[in-house]
PDB file of N, CA and C in Angstrom:
ATOM      1  N   MET A   1       0.827  -1.183   0.000  1.00  0.00           N
ATOM      2  CA  MET A   1       0.000   0.000   0.000  1.00  0.00           C
ATOM      3  C   MET A   1       0.866   1.240   0.000  1.00  0.00           C
ATOM      4  N   ARG A   2       0.422   2.229  -0.758  1.00  0.00           N
ATOM      5  CA  ARG A   2       1.136   3.494  -0.788  1.00  0.00           C
ATOM      6  C   ARG A   2       0.655   4.380   0.355  1.00  0.00           C
ATOM      7  N   PRO A   3       1.516   5.261   0.841  1.00  0.00           N
ATOM      8  CA  PRO A   3       1.075   6.172   1.906  1.00  0.00           C
ATOM      9  C   PRO A   3       0.061   7.165   1.356  1.00  0.00           C
ATOM     10  N   GLN A   4      -0.883   7.543   2.194  1.00  0.00           N
ATOM     11  CA  GLN A   4      -1.900   8.494   1.771  1.00  0.00           C
ATOM     12  C   GLN A   4      -1.306   9.883   1.696  1.00  0.00           C
ATOM     13  N   LYS A   5      -1.864  10.692   0.764  1.00  0.00           N
ATOM     14  CA  LYS A   5      -1.410  12.065   0.632  1.00  0.00           C
ATOM     15  C   LYS A   5      -1.980  12.887   1.775  1.00  0.00           C
ATOM     16  N   GLU A   6      -1.184  13.827   2.228  1.00  0.00           N
ATOM     17  CA  GLU A   6      -1.620  14.679   3.332  1.00  0.00           C
ATOM     18  C   GLU A   6      -2.711  15.631   2.849  1.00  0.00           C
ATOM     19  N   THR A   7      -3.753  15.797   3.653  1.00  0.00           N
ATOM     20  CA  THR A   7      -4.837  16.703   3.297  1.00  0.00           C
ATOM     21  C   THR A   7      -5.010  17.753   4.374  1.00  0.00           C
ATOM     22  N   ASN A   8      -5.497  18.896   3.957  1.00  0.00           N
ATOM     23  CA  ASN A   8      -5.800  19.986   4.878  1.00  0.00           C
ATOM     24  C   ASN A   8      -7.279  20.304   4.773  1.00  0.00           C
ATOM     25  N   ILE A   9      -7.935  20.522   5.900  1.00  0.00           N
ATOM     26  CA  ILE A   9      -9.347  20.868   5.878  1.00  0.00           C
ATOM     27  C   ILE A   9      -9.463  22.384   5.828  1.00  0.00           C
ATOM     28  N   VAL A  10     -10.194  22.875   4.823  1.00  0.00           N
ATOM     29  CA  VAL A  10     -10.398  24.297   4.625  1.00  0.00           C
ATOM     30  C   VAL A  10     -11.606  24.723   5.448  1.00  0.00           C
ATOM     31  N   SER A  11     -11.704  25.997   5.804  1.00  0.00           N
ATOM     32  CA  SER A  11     -12.740  26.469   6.721  1.00  0.00           C
ATOM     33  C   SER A  11     -14.163  26.259   6.216  1.00  0.00           C
ATOM     34  N   ASN A  12     -14.373  26.137   4.897  1.00  0.00           N
ATOM     35  CA  ASN A  12     -15.729  25.940   4.395  1.00  0.00           C
ATOM     36  C   ASN A  12     -16.115  24.467   4.335  1.00  0.00           C
ATOM     37  N   GLY A  13     -15.296  23.599   4.883  1.00  0.00           N
ATOM     38  CA  GLY A  13     -15.622  22.184   4.948  1.00  0.00           C
ATOM     39  C   GLY A  13     -15.034  21.363   3.821  1.00  0.00           C
ATOM     40  N   SER A  14     -14.449  21.997   2.817  1.00  0.00           N
ATOM     41  CA  SER A  14     -13.868  21.232   1.726  1.00  0.00           C
ATOM     42  C   SER A  14     -12.469  20.775   2.110  1.00  0.00           C
ATOM     43  N   VAL A  15     -11.957  19.830   1.365  1.00  0.00           N
ATOM     44  CA  VAL A  15     -10.646  19.265   1.654  1.00  0.00           C
ATOM     45  C   VAL A  15      -9.705  19.620   0.517  1.00  0.00           C
ATOM     46  N   LYS A  16      -8.503  20.052   0.858  1.00  0.00           N
ATOM     47  CA  LYS A  16      -7.504  20.410  -0.141  1.00  0.00           C
ATOM     48  C   LYS A  16      -6.272  19.559   0.086  1.00  0.00           C
ATOM     49  N   ARG A  17      -5.773  18.927  -0.956  1.00  0.00           N
ATOM     50  CA  ARG A  17      -4.544  18.145  -0.848  1.00  0.00           C
ATOM     51  C   ARG A  17      -3.354  19.080  -0.789  1.00  0.00           C
ATOM     52  N   SER A  18      -2.365  18.680  -0.031  1.00  0.00           N
ATOM     53  CA  SER A  18      -1.193  19.527   0.140  1.00  0.00           C
ATOM     54  C   SER A  18      -0.283  19.514  -1.080  1.00  0.00           C
ATOM     55  N   ASP A  19      -0.485  18.589  -2.017  1.00  0.00           N
ATOM     56  CA  ASP A  19       0.374  18.532  -3.194  1.00  0.00           C
ATOM     57  C   ASP A  19      -0.241  19.241  -4.393  1.00  0.00           C
ATOM     58  N   ASP A  20      -1.272  20.066  -4.174  1.00  0.00           N
ATOM     59  CA  ASP A  20      -1.847  20.832  -5.275  1.00  0.00           C
ATOM     60  C   ASP A  20      -0.787  21.781  -5.807  1.00  0.00           C
ATOM     61  N   HIS A  21      -0.727  21.897  -7.133  1.00  0.00           N
ATOM     62  CA  HIS A  21       0.306  22.713  -7.744  1.00  0.00           C
ATOM     63  C   HIS A  21      -0.119  24.155  -7.952  1.00  0.00           C
ATOM     64  N   HIS A  22      -1.382  24.458  -7.817  1.00  0.00           N
ATOM     65  CA  HIS A  22      -1.834  25.829  -7.992  1.00  0.00           C
ATOM     66  C   HIS A  22      -2.425  26.343  -6.687  1.00  0.00           C
ATOM     67  N   GLU A  23      -2.300  27.626  -6.484  1.00  0.00           N
ATOM     68  CA  GLU A  23      -2.811  28.251  -5.270  1.00  0.00           C
ATOM     69  C   GLU A  23      -4.254  28.665  -5.482  1.00  0.00           C
ATOM     70  N   ASN A  24      -5.088  28.425  -4.503  1.00  0.00           N
ATOM     71  CA  ASN A  24      -6.467  28.876  -4.532  1.00  0.00           C
ATOM     72  C   ASN A  24      -6.545  30.120  -3.667  1.00  0.00           C
ATOM     73  N   ASN A  25      -6.578  31.274  -4.306  1.00  0.00           N
ATOM     74  CA  ASN A  25      -6.584  32.527  -3.568  1.00  0.00           C
ATOM     75  C   ASN A  25      -7.991  33.023  -3.300  1.00  0.00           C
ATOM     76  N   GLY A  26      -8.986  32.190  -3.510  1.00  0.00           N
ATOM     77  CA  GLY A  26     -10.352  32.629  -3.330  1.00  0.00           C
ATOM     78  C   GLY A  26     -11.079  31.825  -2.284  1.00  0.00           C
ATOM     79  N   ILE A  27     -12.368  32.055  -2.230  1.00  0.00           N
ATOM     80  CA  ILE A  27     -13.225  31.316  -1.323  1.00  0.00           C
ATOM     81  C   ILE A  27     -14.241  30.550  -2.148  1.00  0.00           C
ATOM     82  N   VAL A  28     -14.845  29.555  -1.548  1.00  0.00           N
ATOM     83  CA  VAL A  28     -15.824  28.728  -2.247  1.00  0.00           C
ATOM     84  C   VAL A  28     -17.208  29.072  -1.735  1.00  0.00           C
ATOM     85  N   LYS A  29     -18.133  29.304  -2.664  1.00  0.00           N
ATOM     86  CA  LYS A  29     -19.532  29.538  -2.318  1.00  0.00           C
ATOM     87  C   LYS A  29     -20.365  28.482  -3.017  1.00  0.00           C
ATOM     88  N   TYR A  30     -21.448  28.110  -2.393  1.00  0.00           N
ATOM     89  CA  TYR A  30     -22.352  27.135  -2.979  1.00  0.00           C
ATOM     90  C   TYR A  30     -23.634  27.856  -3.351  1.00  0.00           C
ATOM     91  N   ARG A  31     -23.995  27.810  -4.619  1.00  0.00           N
ATOM     92  CA  ARG A  31     -25.120  28.583  -5.147  1.00  0.00           C
ATOM     93  C   ARG A  31     -26.381  27.736  -5.226  1.00  0.00           C
ATOM     94  N   GLU A  32     -27.097  27.825  -6.327  1.00  0.00           N
ATOM     95  CA  GLU A  32     -28.426  27.216  -6.442  1.00  0.00           C
ATOM     96  C   GLU A  32     -28.383  25.694  -6.350  1.00  0.00           C
ATOM     97  N   CYS A  33     -29.477  25.144  -5.831  1.00  0.00           N
ATOM     98  CA  CYS A  33     -29.604  23.700  -5.666  1.00  0.00           C
ATOM     99  C   CYS A  33     -29.936  23.070  -7.014  1.00  0.00           C
ATOM    100  N   ARG A  34     -29.252  22.002  -7.342  1.00  0.00           N
ATOM    101  CA  ARG A  34     -29.466  21.308  -8.618  1.00  0.00           C
ATOM    102  C   ARG A  34     -30.080  19.929  -8.437  1.00  0.00           C
ATOM    103  N   LYS A  35     -30.591  19.636  -7.261  1.00  0.00           N
ATOM    104  CA  LYS A  35     -31.169  18.316  -7.021  1.00  0.00           C
ATOM    105  C   LYS A  35     -32.440  18.156  -7.846  1.00  0.00           C
ATOM    106  N   ASN A  36     -32.515  17.052  -8.576  1.00  0.00           N
ATOM    107  CA  ASN A  36     -33.688  16.747  -9.389  1.00  0.00           C
ATOM    108  C   ASN A  36     -34.666  15.952  -8.530  1.00  0.00           C
ATOM    109  N   HIS A  37     -35.719  16.606  -8.090  1.00  0.00           N
ATOM    110  CA  HIS A  37     -36.688  15.969  -7.198  1.00  0.00           C
ATOM    111  C   HIS A  37     -37.639  15.032  -7.934  1.00  0.00           C
ATOM    112  N   ALA A  38     -37.663  15.088  -9.260  1.00  0.00           N
ATOM    113  CA  ALA A  38     -38.566  14.234 -10.034  1.00  0.00           C
ATOM    114  C   ALA A  38     -37.824  13.142 -10.791  1.00  0.00           C
ATOM    115  N   ALA A  39     -36.586  12.865 -10.415  1.00  0.00           N
ATOM    116  CA  ALA A  39     -35.787  11.866 -11.129  1.00  0.00           C
ATOM    117  C   ALA A  39     -36.392  10.472 -11.032  1.00  0.00           C
ATOM    118  N   ASN A  40     -37.022  10.154  -9.911  1.00  0.00           N
ATOM    119  CA  ASN A  40     -37.566   8.800  -9.742  1.00  0.00           C
ATOM    120  C   ASN A  40     -38.766   8.521 -10.645  1.00  0.00           C
ATOM    121  N   ILE A  41     -39.393   9.552 -11.203  1.00  0.00           N
ATOM    122  CA  ILE A  41     -40.505   9.341 -12.146  1.00  0.00           C
ATOM    123  C   ILE A  41     -40.111   9.718 -13.571  1.00  0.00           C
ATOM    124  N   GLY A  42     -38.823   9.982 -13.791  1.00  0.00           N
ATOM    125  CA  GLY A  42     -38.321  10.276 -15.127  1.00  0.00           C
ATOM    126  C   GLY A  42     -38.474  11.726 -15.545  1.00  0.00           C
ATOM    127  N   GLY A  43     -38.753  12.600 -14.624  1.00  0.00           N
ATOM    128  CA  GLY A  43     -38.926  14.013 -14.946  1.00  0.00           C
ATOM    129  C   GLY A  43     -37.764  14.855 -14.463  1.00  0.00           C
ATOM    130  N   TYR A  44     -37.962  16.167 -14.529  1.00  0.00           N
ATOM    131  CA  TYR A  44     -36.949  17.097 -14.055  1.00  0.00           C
ATOM    132  C   TYR A  44     -37.647  18.234 -13.318  1.00  0.00           C
ATOM    133  N   ALA A  45     -37.351  18.396 -12.058  1.00  0.00           N
ATOM    134  CA  ALA A  45     -37.921  19.480 -11.257  1.00  0.00           C
ATOM    135  C   ALA A  45     -36.950  19.843 -10.142  1.00  0.00           C
ATOM    136  N   VAL A  46     -36.578  21.113 -10.091  1.00  0.00           N
ATOM    137  CA  VAL A  46     -35.728  21.603  -9.008  1.00  0.00           C
ATOM    138  C   VAL A  46     -36.587  22.427  -8.058  1.00  0.00           C
ATOM    139  N   ASP A  47     -36.109  22.596  -6.828  1.00  0.00           N
ATOM    140  CA  ASP A  47     -36.939  23.246  -5.812  1.00  0.00           C
ATOM    141  C   ASP A  47     -36.850  24.765  -5.787  1.00  0.00           C
ATOM    142  N   GLY A  48     -35.892  25.352  -6.479  1.00  0.00           N
ATOM    143  CA  GLY A  48     -35.791  26.808  -6.532  1.00  0.00           C
ATOM    144  C   GLY A  48     -34.907  27.422  -5.466  1.00  0.00           C
ATOM    145  N   CYS A  49     -34.230  26.614  -4.678  1.00  0.00           N
ATOM    146  CA  CYS A  49     -33.317  27.132  -3.662  1.00  0.00           C
ATOM    147  C   CYS A  49     -32.171  27.844  -4.375  1.00  0.00           C
ATOM    148  N   ARG A  50     -31.919  29.090  -4.032  1.00  0.00           N
ATOM    149  CA  ARG A  50     -30.942  29.908  -4.753  1.00  0.00           C
ATOM    150  C   ARG A  50     -29.529  29.879  -4.178  1.00  0.00           C
ATOM    151  N   GLU A  51     -29.380  29.575  -2.888  1.00  0.00           N
ATOM    152  CA  GLU A  51     -28.044  29.559  -2.296  1.00  0.00           C
ATOM    153  C   GLU A  51     -28.019  28.664  -1.066  1.00  0.00           C
ATOM    154  N   PHE A  52     -26.904  27.974  -0.885  1.00  0.00           N
ATOM    155  CA  PHE A  52     -26.738  27.074   0.253  1.00  0.00           C
ATOM    156  C   PHE A  52     -26.592  27.868   1.547  1.00  0.00           C
ATOM    157  N   MET A  53     -27.375  27.486   2.552  1.00  0.00           N
ATOM    158  CA  MET A  53     -27.253  28.050   3.898  1.00  0.00           C
ATOM    159  C   MET A  53     -27.114  26.877   4.862  1.00  0.00           C
ATOM    160  N   ALA A  54     -26.002  26.804   5.554  1.00  0.00           N
ATOM    161  CA  ALA A  54     -25.740  25.680   6.456  1.00  0.00           C
ATOM    162  C   ALA A  54     -26.757  25.634   7.587  1.00  0.00           C
ATOM    163  N   SER A  55     -27.188  24.428   7.936  1.00  0.00           N
ATOM    164  CA  SER A  55     -28.174  24.237   9.007  1.00  0.00           C
ATOM    165  C   SER A  55     -27.564  24.296  10.397  1.00  0.00           C
ATOM    166  N   GLY A  56     -26.267  24.034  10.504  1.00  0.00           N
ATOM    167  CA  GLY A  56     -25.651  23.965  11.829  1.00  0.00           C
ATOM    168  C   GLY A  56     -24.291  24.615  11.880  1.00  0.00           C
ATOM    169  N   GLU A  57     -23.641  24.429  13.000  1.00  0.00           N
ATOM    170  CA  GLU A  57     -22.311  24.982  13.237  1.00  0.00           C
ATOM    171  C   GLU A  57     -21.277  24.329  12.325  1.00  0.00           C
ATOM    172  N   GLU A  58     -20.247  25.078  11.981  1.00  0.00           N
ATOM    173  CA  GLU A  58     -19.164  24.555  11.158  1.00  0.00           C
ATOM    174  C   GLU A  58     -18.479  23.403  11.876  1.00  0.00           C
ATOM    175  N   GLY A  59     -18.224  22.330  11.138  1.00  0.00           N
ATOM    176  CA  GLY A  59     -17.579  21.158  11.713  1.00  0.00           C
ATOM    177  C   GLY A  59     -18.547  20.072  12.122  1.00  0.00           C
ATOM    178  N   THR A  60     -19.839  20.356  12.111  1.00  0.00           N
ATOM    179  CA  THR A  60     -20.840  19.341  12.446  1.00  0.00           C
ATOM    180  C   THR A  60     -21.456  18.794  11.167  1.00  0.00           C
ATOM    181  N   SER A  61     -22.132  17.665  11.267  1.00  0.00           N
ATOM    182  CA  SER A  61     -22.779  17.098  10.080  1.00  0.00           C
ATOM    183  C   SER A  61     -23.925  17.979   9.600  1.00  0.00           C
ATOM    184  N   ALA A  62     -24.515  18.755  10.485  1.00  0.00           N
ATOM    185  CA  ALA A  62     -25.602  19.658  10.097  1.00  0.00           C
ATOM    186  C   ALA A  62     -25.108  20.794   9.212  1.00  0.00           C
ATOM    187  N   SER A  63     -23.818  21.094   9.240  1.00  0.00           N
ATOM    188  CA  SER A  63     -23.283  22.169   8.405  1.00  0.00           C
ATOM    189  C   SER A  63     -23.254  21.784   6.931  1.00  0.00           C
ATOM    190  N   LEU A  64     -23.451  20.503   6.622  1.00  0.00           N
ATOM    191  CA  LEU A  64     -23.473  20.044   5.234  1.00  0.00           C
ATOM    192  C   LEU A  64     -24.889  19.951   4.677  1.00  0.00           C
ATOM    193  N   LYS A  65     -25.881  20.318   5.474  1.00  0.00           N
ATOM    194  CA  LYS A  65     -27.284  20.251   5.065  1.00  0.00           C
ATOM    195  C   LYS A  65     -27.815  21.669   4.909  1.00  0.00           C
ATOM    196  N   CYS A  66     -28.529  21.943   3.816  1.00  0.00           N
ATOM    197  CA  CYS A  66     -29.053  23.276   3.545  1.00  0.00           C
ATOM    198  C   CYS A  66     -30.286  23.543   4.400  1.00  0.00           C
ATOM    199  N   ALA A  67     -30.306  24.692   5.058  1.00  0.00           N
ATOM    200  CA  ALA A  67     -31.444  25.059   5.897  1.00  0.00           C
ATOM    201  C   ALA A  67     -32.664  25.413   5.054  1.00  0.00           C
ATOM    202  N   ALA A  68     -32.461  25.861   3.821  1.00  0.00           N
ATOM    203  CA  ALA A  68     -33.574  26.282   2.975  1.00  0.00           C
ATOM    204  C   ALA A  68     -34.277  25.109   2.297  1.00  0.00           C
ATOM    205  N   CYS A  69     -33.508  24.188   1.714  1.00  0.00           N
ATOM    206  CA  CYS A  69     -34.125  23.116   0.922  1.00  0.00           C
ATOM    207  C   CYS A  69     -33.932  21.724   1.515  1.00  0.00           C
ATOM    208  N   ASN A  70     -33.141  21.602   2.586  1.00  0.00           N
ATOM    209  CA  ASN A  70     -32.906  20.338   3.280  1.00  0.00           C
ATOM    210  C   ASN A  70     -32.075  19.343   2.464  1.00  0.00           C
ATOM    211  N   CYS A  71     -31.363  19.818   1.450  1.00  0.00           N
ATOM    212  CA  CYS A  71     -30.510  18.963   0.619  1.00  0.00           C
ATOM    213  C   CYS A  71     -29.066  19.032   1.111  1.00  0.00           C
ATOM    214  N   HIS A  72     -28.266  18.033   0.734  1.00  0.00           N
ATOM    215  CA  HIS A  72     -26.841  18.031   1.049  1.00  0.00           C
ATOM    216  C   HIS A  72     -26.144  19.100   0.218  1.00  0.00           C
ATOM    217  N   ARG A  73     -25.035  19.616   0.730  1.00  0.00           N
ATOM    218  CA  ARG A  73     -24.289  20.682   0.057  1.00  0.00           C
ATOM    219  C   ARG A  73     -23.825  20.279  -1.339  1.00  0.00           C
ATOM    220  N   ASN A  74     -23.578  18.982  -1.576  1.00  0.00           N
ATOM    221  CA  ASN A  74     -23.104  18.529  -2.880  1.00  0.00           C
ATOM    222  C   ASN A  74     -24.110  18.767  -4.002  1.00  0.00           C
ATOM    223  N   PHE A  75     -25.388  18.936  -3.677  1.00  0.00           N
ATOM    224  CA  PHE A  75     -26.383  19.212  -4.707  1.00  0.00           C
ATOM    225  C   PHE A  75     -26.337  20.664  -5.176  1.00  0.00           C
ATOM    226  N   HIS A  76     -25.659  21.520  -4.451  1.00  0.00           N
ATOM    227  CA  HIS A  76     -25.586  22.936  -4.798  1.00  0.00           C
ATOM    228  C   HIS A  76     -24.385  23.191  -5.696  1.00  0.00           C
ATOM    229  N   ARG A  77     -24.566  24.108  -6.652  1.00  0.00           N
ATOM    230  CA  ARG A  77     -23.495  24.443  -7.600  1.00  0.00           C
ATOM    231  C   ARG A  77     -22.343  25.113  -6.853  1.00  0.00           C
ATOM    232  N   ARG A  78     -21.151  24.568  -7.032  1.00  0.00           N
ATOM    233  CA  ARG A  78     -19.948  25.089  -6.377  1.00  0.00           C
ATOM    234  C   ARG A  78     -19.358  26.201  -7.236  1.00  0.00           C
ATOM    235  N   GLU A  79     -19.036  27.307  -6.603  1.00  0.00           N
ATOM    236  CA  GLU A  79     -18.453  28.443  -7.311  1.00  0.00           C
ATOM    237  C   GLU A  79     -17.243  28.933  -6.533  1.00  0.00           C
ATOM    238  N   GLU A  80     -16.101  28.985  -7.208  1.00  0.00           N
ATOM    239  CA  GLU A  80     -14.886  29.489  -6.578  1.00  0.00           C
ATOM    240  C   GLU A  80     -14.754  30.964  -6.913  1.00  0.00           C
ATOM    241  N   VAL A  81     -14.712  31.786  -5.888  1.00  0.00           N
ATOM    242  CA  VAL A  81     -14.571  33.224  -6.061  1.00  0.00           C
ATOM    243  C   VAL A  81     -13.107  33.550  -5.843  1.00  0.00           C
ATOM    244  N   ILE A  82     -12.459  34.029  -6.884  1.00  0.00           N
ATOM    245  CA  ILE A  82     -11.028  34.316  -6.830  1.00  0.00           C
ATOM    246  C   ILE A  82     -10.829  35.762  -6.409  1.00  0.00           C
ATOM    247  N   ASN A  83      -9.974  35.963  -5.426  1.00  0.00           N
ATOM    248  CA  ASN A  83      -9.657  37.326  -4.988  1.00  0.00           C
ATOM    249  C   ASN A  83      -8.821  37.997  -6.058  1.00  0.00           C
ATOM    250  N   GLU A  84      -9.331  39.100  -6.574  1.00  0.00           N
ATOM    251  CA  GLU A  84      -8.607  39.845  -7.594  1.00  0.00           C
ATOM    252  C   GLU A  84      -8.173  41.176  -7.006  1.00  0.00           C
ATOM    253  N   SER A  85      -7.023  41.630  -7.423  1.00  0.00           N
ATOM    254  CA  SER A  85      -6.555  42.929  -6.966  1.00  0.00           C
ATOM    255  C   SER A  85      -7.386  44.018  -7.618  1.00  0.00           C
ATOM    256  N   TYR A  86      -7.523  45.123  -6.954  1.00  0.00           N
ATOM    257  CA  TYR A  86      -8.292  46.240  -7.471  1.00  0.00           C
ATOM    258  C   TYR A  86      -7.410  47.050  -8.409  1.00  0.00           C
ATOM    259  N   TYR A  87      -7.893  47.280  -9.617  1.00  0.00           N
ATOM    260  CA  TYR A  87      -7.191  48.089 -10.592  1.00  0.00           C
ATOM    261  C   TYR A  87      -8.060  49.274 -10.962  1.00  0.00           C
ATOM    262  N   ASP A  88      -7.497  50.471 -10.913  1.00  0.00           N
ATOM    263  CA  ASP A  88      -8.220  51.673 -11.291  1.00  0.00           C
ATOM    264  C   ASP A  88      -8.022  51.885 -12.782  1.00  0.00           C
ATOM    265  N   CYS A  89      -9.088  51.745 -13.536  1.00  0.00           N
ATOM    266  CA  CYS A  89      -9.017  51.873 -14.987  1.00  0.00           C
ATOM    267  C   CYS A  89      -9.623  53.186 -15.459  1.00  0.00           C
ATOM    268  N   SER A  90      -9.770  54.137 -14.565  1.00  0.00           N
ATOM    269  CA  SER A  90     -10.353  55.417 -14.960  1.00  0.00           C
ATOM    270  C   SER A  90      -9.372  56.169 -15.843  1.00  0.00           C
ATOM    271  N   SER A  91      -9.907  57.063 -16.661  1.00  0.00           N
ATOM    272  CA  SER A  91      -9.072  57.811 -17.604  1.00  0.00           C
ATOM    273  C   SER A  91      -8.766  59.202 -17.064  1.00  0.00           C
ATOM    274  N   ASN A  92      -8.493  59.320 -15.793  1.00  0.00           N
ATOM    275  CA  ASN A  92      -8.182  60.604 -15.181  1.00  0.00           C
ATOM    276  C   ASN A  92      -6.727  61.004 -15.362  1.00  0.00           C
ATOM    277  N   SER A  93      -5.910  60.119 -15.849  1.00  0.00           N
ATOM    278  CA  SER A  93      -4.500  60.451 -16.030  1.00  0.00           C
ATOM    279  C   SER A  93      -4.330  61.308 -17.274  1.00  0.00           C
ATOM    280  N   SER A  94      -3.412  62.238 -17.229  1.00  0.00           N
ATOM    281  CA  SER A  94      -3.190  63.124 -18.375  1.00  0.00           C
ATOM    282  C   SER A  94      -1.976  62.627 -19.149  1.00  0.00           C
ATOM    283  N   THR A  95      -2.177  62.349 -20.402  1.00  0.00           N
ATOM    284  CA  THR A  95      -1.086  61.916 -21.272  1.00  0.00           C
ATOM    285  C   THR A  95      -0.980  62.881 -22.428  1.00  0.00           C
ATOM    286  N   ARG A  96       0.217  63.161 -22.864  1.00  0.00           N
ATOM    287  CA  ARG A  96       0.443  64.076 -23.987  1.00  0.00           C
ATOM    288  C   ARG A  96       0.730  63.267 -25.228  1.00  0.00           C
ATOM    289  N   LYS A  97       0.182  63.742 -26.309  1.00  0.00           N
ATOM    290  CA  LYS A  97       0.405  63.062 -27.594  1.00  0.00           C
ATOM    291  C   LYS A  97       1.240  63.915 -28.493  1.00  0.00           C
TER     292      LYS A  97
END
């Protein structure tokens, strides 16, 4: 057996491997619920939940359940928000031609 790779738990509950080659300078948000509630009858129907809201404290199993729709966090669309530096693109600078 090979040794397992070291993992770090991120504050939003996700797991990041320590051997990742790129830096994640952002935070993760979970958006609309994509659970198909009519899959068992061959249809497609979502509940309309727009954003994941944890049911409990961070670190508990309740933190993985949405308070709005009662679905697991994995059913919600994951979105990584990358921190970008602020750039002033205004044309207030004076340049001579």
